[in-house]
Amino acid sequence: MTAAGTMPAWAALLTALLVMVGAAVTLIGSLGLLRLGNFYARVHAPTLGTSFGMASILAGSSLFFSVIEARPVVHEVLMAVFVTLTTPVTLMLVVRAALYRDRTEGSSEVPAAAAVEDLIPPQEG
């Protein structure tokens, strides 16, 4: 990109910082996917990493192109709105499908079912 050479140092540093923070948060969310124990714990880490990491990266992108073009560039706001709306909805639908599957199969992986089984005394007879 040839226009990047004319960018002020403060904007370049802030852009780099925002993009690096966003990449780090997204990486941490991805590592949470690998490290956490069961499905229900695993689904939260990538969702949070996607939301917060995406916000930081898009803020850096918006800053970069606004400084380069000398006008506000807000295309990233639309991207942020769509990702922010679709990621939690997708998480909710995937978790509901998993809960339904686990309940119909009688799995002990269901968080609520495991807690209820501990409270109910065993049946005699």
C-alpha atoms as a PDB file:
ATOM      1  CA  MET A   1       0.000   0.000   0.000  1.00  0.00           C
ATOM      2  CA  THR A   2       1.695   3.208  -1.104  1.00  0.00           C
ATOM      3  CA  ALA A   3      -0.496   5.593   0.891  1.00  0.00           C
ATOM      4  CA  ALA A   4       0.576   4.016   4.186  1.00  0.00           C
ATOM      5  CA  GLY A   5       3.915   5.861   3.991  1.00  0.00           C
ATOM      6  CA  THR A   6       2.130   9.208   4.376  1.00  0.00           C
ATOM      7  CA  MET A   7       0.270   8.140   7.498  1.00  0.00           C
ATOM      8  CA  PRO A   8       1.135  10.019  10.737  1.00  0.00           C
ATOM      9  CA  ALA A   9       3.111   8.044  13.296  1.00  0.00           C
ATOM     10  CA  TRP A  10       0.434   8.363  16.003  1.00  0.00           C
ATOM     11  CA  ALA A  11      -2.222   6.880  13.714  1.00  0.00           C
ATOM     12  CA  ALA A  12       0.069   4.061  12.583  1.00  0.00           C
ATOM     13  CA  LEU A  13       0.935   3.135  16.167  1.00  0.00           C
ATOM     14  CA  LEU A  14      -2.680   3.290  17.336  1.00  0.00           C
ATOM     15  CA  THR A  15      -3.811   1.221  14.356  1.00  0.00           C
ATOM     16  CA  ALA A  16      -1.110  -1.365  15.015  1.00  0.00           C
ATOM     17  CA  LEU A  17      -2.024  -1.495  18.707  1.00  0.00           C
ATOM     18  CA  LEU A  18      -5.734  -1.987  17.985  1.00  0.00           C
ATOM     19  CA  VAL A  19      -5.090  -4.716  15.440  1.00  0.00           C
ATOM     20  CA  MET A  20      -2.621  -6.522  17.719  1.00  0.00           C
ATOM     21  CA  VAL A  21      -5.011  -6.370  20.697  1.00  0.00           C
ATOM     22  CA  GLY A  22      -7.837  -7.691  18.522  1.00  0.00           C
ATOM     23  CA  ALA A  23      -5.665 -10.508  17.195  1.00  0.00           C
ATOM     24  CA  ALA A  24      -4.528 -11.422  20.726  1.00  0.00           C
ATOM     25  CA  VAL A  25      -8.098 -11.512  22.078  1.00  0.00           C
ATOM     26  CA  THR A  26      -9.227 -13.652  19.148  1.00  0.00           C
ATOM     27  CA  LEU A  27      -6.281 -16.014  19.677  1.00  0.00           C
ATOM     28  CA  ILE A  28      -7.101 -16.325  23.386  1.00  0.00           C
ATOM     29  CA  GLY A  29     -10.696 -17.162  22.472  1.00  0.00           C
ATOM     30  CA  SER A  30      -9.480 -19.822  20.059  1.00  0.00           C
ATOM     31  CA  LEU A  31      -7.209 -21.319  22.710  1.00  0.00           C
ATOM     32  CA  GLY A  32     -10.187 -21.423  25.075  1.00  0.00           C
ATOM     33  CA  LEU A  33     -11.931 -23.591  22.516  1.00  0.00           C
ATOM     34  CA  LEU A  34      -9.125 -26.111  22.828  1.00  0.00           C
ATOM     35  CA  ARG A  35      -8.527 -25.912  26.593  1.00  0.00           C
ATOM     36  CA  LEU A  36     -11.980 -25.915  28.175  1.00  0.00           C
ATOM     37  CA  GLY A  37     -13.545 -29.174  29.326  1.00  0.00           C
ATOM     38  CA  ASN A  38     -16.947 -29.786  27.791  1.00  0.00           C
ATOM     39  CA  PHE A  39     -18.984 -28.429  24.916  1.00  0.00           C
ATOM     40  CA  TYR A  40     -20.974 -25.979  27.016  1.00  0.00           C
ATOM     41  CA  ALA A  41     -17.833 -24.352  28.388  1.00  0.00           C
ATOM     42  CA  ARG A  42     -16.119 -24.352  24.999  1.00  0.00           C
ATOM     43  CA  VAL A  43     -18.733 -22.377  23.103  1.00  0.00           C
ATOM     44  CA  HIS A  44     -18.302 -19.208  25.165  1.00  0.00           C
ATOM     45  CA  ALA A  45     -14.602 -18.541  24.593  1.00  0.00           C
ATOM     46  CA  PRO A  46     -14.669 -18.223  20.769  1.00  0.00           C
ATOM     47  CA  THR A  47     -17.844 -16.159  20.901  1.00  0.00           C
ATOM     48  CA  LEU A  48     -16.334 -13.612  23.267  1.00  0.00           C
ATOM     49  CA  GLY A  49     -13.065 -13.655  21.333  1.00  0.00           C
ATOM     50  CA  THR A  50     -14.901 -13.046  18.101  1.00  0.00           C
ATOM     51  CA  SER A  51     -16.930 -10.146  19.473  1.00  0.00           C
ATOM     52  CA  PHE A  52     -14.199  -8.273  21.319  1.00  0.00           C
ATOM     53  CA  GLY A  53     -11.409  -9.136  18.895  1.00  0.00           C
ATOM     54  CA  MET A  54     -13.506  -8.113  15.918  1.00  0.00           C
ATOM     55  CA  ALA A  55     -14.383  -4.791  17.553  1.00  0.00           C
ATOM     56  CA  SER A  56     -10.735  -3.932  18.111  1.00  0.00           C
ATOM     57  CA  ILE A  57      -9.621  -4.972  14.626  1.00  0.00           C
ATOM     58  CA  LEU A  58     -12.458  -3.047  12.988  1.00  0.00           C
ATOM     59  CA  ALA A  59     -11.652   0.039  15.068  1.00  0.00           C
ATOM     60  CA  GLY A  60      -8.060  -0.147  13.829  1.00  0.00           C
ATOM     61  CA  SER A  61      -9.236  -0.608  10.258  1.00  0.00           C
ATOM     62  CA  SER A  62     -11.631   2.319  10.498  1.00  0.00           C
ATOM     63  CA  LEU A  63      -8.900   4.540  11.951  1.00  0.00           C
ATOM     64  CA  PHE A  64      -6.412   3.529   9.257  1.00  0.00           C
ATOM     65  CA  PHE A  65      -8.692   4.182   6.304  1.00  0.00           C
ATOM     66  CA  SER A  66     -10.141   7.366   7.825  1.00  0.00           C
ATOM     67  CA  VAL A  67      -6.650   8.836   8.205  1.00  0.00           C
ATOM     68  CA  ILE A  68      -5.497   7.685   4.752  1.00  0.00           C
ATOM     69  CA  GLU A  69      -8.576   8.975   2.923  1.00  0.00           C
ATOM     70  CA  ALA A  70      -8.948  12.118   5.107  1.00  0.00           C
ATOM     71  CA  ARG A  71     -12.639  11.437   5.644  1.00  0.00           C
ATOM     72  CA  PRO A  72     -14.601   9.242   8.040  1.00  0.00           C
ATOM     73  CA  VAL A  73     -14.838   5.660   6.820  1.00  0.00           C
ATOM     74  CA  VAL A  74     -17.580   3.785   8.631  1.00  0.00           C
ATOM     75  CA  HIS A  75     -18.036   0.624   6.554  1.00  0.00           C
ATOM     76  CA  GLU A  76     -16.636  -1.246   9.519  1.00  0.00           C
ATOM     77  CA  VAL A  77     -19.633  -0.220  11.612  1.00  0.00           C
ATOM     78  CA  LEU A  78     -21.877  -2.348   9.378  1.00  0.00           C
ATOM     79  CA  MET A  79     -19.511  -5.289   9.719  1.00  0.00           C
ATOM     80  CA  ALA A  80     -19.478  -4.896  13.497  1.00  0.00           C
ATOM     81  CA  VAL A  81     -23.285  -4.749  13.639  1.00  0.00           C
ATOM     82  CA  PHE A  82     -23.695  -7.904  11.553  1.00  0.00           C
ATOM     83  CA  VAL A  83     -21.066  -9.907  13.447  1.00  0.00           C
ATOM     84  CA  THR A  84     -22.363  -8.691  16.814  1.00  0.00           C
ATOM     85  CA  LEU A  85     -25.904  -9.724  15.896  1.00  0.00           C
ATOM     86  CA  THR A  86     -25.124 -13.067  14.283  1.00  0.00           C
ATOM     87  CA  THR A  87     -22.486 -14.497  16.639  1.00  0.00           C
ATOM     88  CA  PRO A  88     -24.615 -14.656  19.831  1.00  0.00           C
ATOM     89  CA  VAL A  89     -27.659 -15.865  17.891  1.00  0.00           C
ATOM     90  CA  THR A  90     -25.604 -18.649  16.317  1.00  0.00           C
ATOM     91  CA  LEU A  91     -24.200 -19.576  19.743  1.00  0.00           C
ATOM     92  CA  MET A  92     -27.689 -19.730  21.206  1.00  0.00           C
ATOM     93  CA  LEU A  93     -29.006 -21.967  18.417  1.00  0.00           C
ATOM     94  CA  VAL A  94     -26.029 -24.345  18.580  1.00  0.00           C
ATOM     95  CA  VAL A  95     -26.301 -24.658  22.372  1.00  0.00           C
ATOM     96  CA  ARG A  96     -30.050 -25.249  22.196  1.00  0.00           C
ATOM     97  CA  ALA A  97     -29.518 -28.008  19.628  1.00  0.00           C
ATOM     98  CA  ALA A  98     -26.853 -29.598  21.834  1.00  0.00           C
ATOM     99  CA  LEU A  99     -29.080 -29.345  24.921  1.00  0.00           C
ATOM    100  CA  TYR A 100     -31.954 -30.984  23.062  1.00  0.00           C
ATOM    101  CA  ARG A 101     -29.676 -33.776  21.846  1.00  0.00           C
ATOM    102  CA  ASP A 102     -28.180 -34.366  25.280  1.00  0.00           C
ATOM    103  CA  ARG A 103     -31.549 -34.366  27.026  1.00  0.00           C
ATOM    104  CA  THR A 104     -33.103 -36.806  24.574  1.00  0.00           C
ATOM    105  CA  GLU A 105     -30.096 -39.132  24.825  1.00  0.00           C
ATOM    106  CA  GLY A 106     -30.022 -38.865  28.627  1.00  0.00           C
ATOM    107  CA  SER A 107     -26.468 -37.551  28.735  1.00  0.00           C
ATOM    108  CA  SER A 108     -24.935 -36.445  32.026  1.00  0.00           C
ATOM    109  CA  GLU A 109     -23.087 -33.646  30.180  1.00  0.00           C
ATOM    110  CA  VAL A 110     -26.141 -31.361  30.436  1.00  0.00           C
ATOM    111  CA  PRO A 111     -25.284 -28.830  33.163  1.00  0.00           C
ATOM    112  CA  ALA A 112     -28.822 -28.508  34.535  1.00  0.00           C
ATOM    113  CA  ALA A 113     -29.466 -32.250  34.417  1.00  0.00           C
ATOM    114  CA  ALA A 114     -26.284 -33.022  36.353  1.00  0.00           C
ATOM    115  CA  ALA A 115     -27.236 -30.553  39.091  1.00  0.00           C
ATOM    116  CA  VAL A 116     -30.781 -31.919  39.370  1.00  0.00           C
ATOM    117  CA  GLU A 117     -29.537 -35.525  39.627  1.00  0.00           C
ATOM    118  CA  ASP A 118     -27.407 -34.557  42.610  1.00  0.00           C
ATOM    119  CA  LEU A 119     -30.448 -33.122  44.431  1.00  0.00           C
ATOM    120  CA  ILE A 120     -32.869 -35.992  43.823  1.00  0.00           C
ATOM    121  CA  PRO A 121     -32.425 -38.920  46.223  1.00  0.00           C
ATOM    122  CA  PRO A 122     -32.137 -42.377  44.607  1.00  0.00           C
ATOM    123  CA  GLN A 123     -35.383 -44.266  44.137  1.00  0.00           C
ATOM    124  CA  GLU A 124     -35.860 -47.433  46.140  1.00  0.00           C
ATOM    125  CA  GLY A 125     -37.500 -50.418  44.665  1.00  0.00           C
END
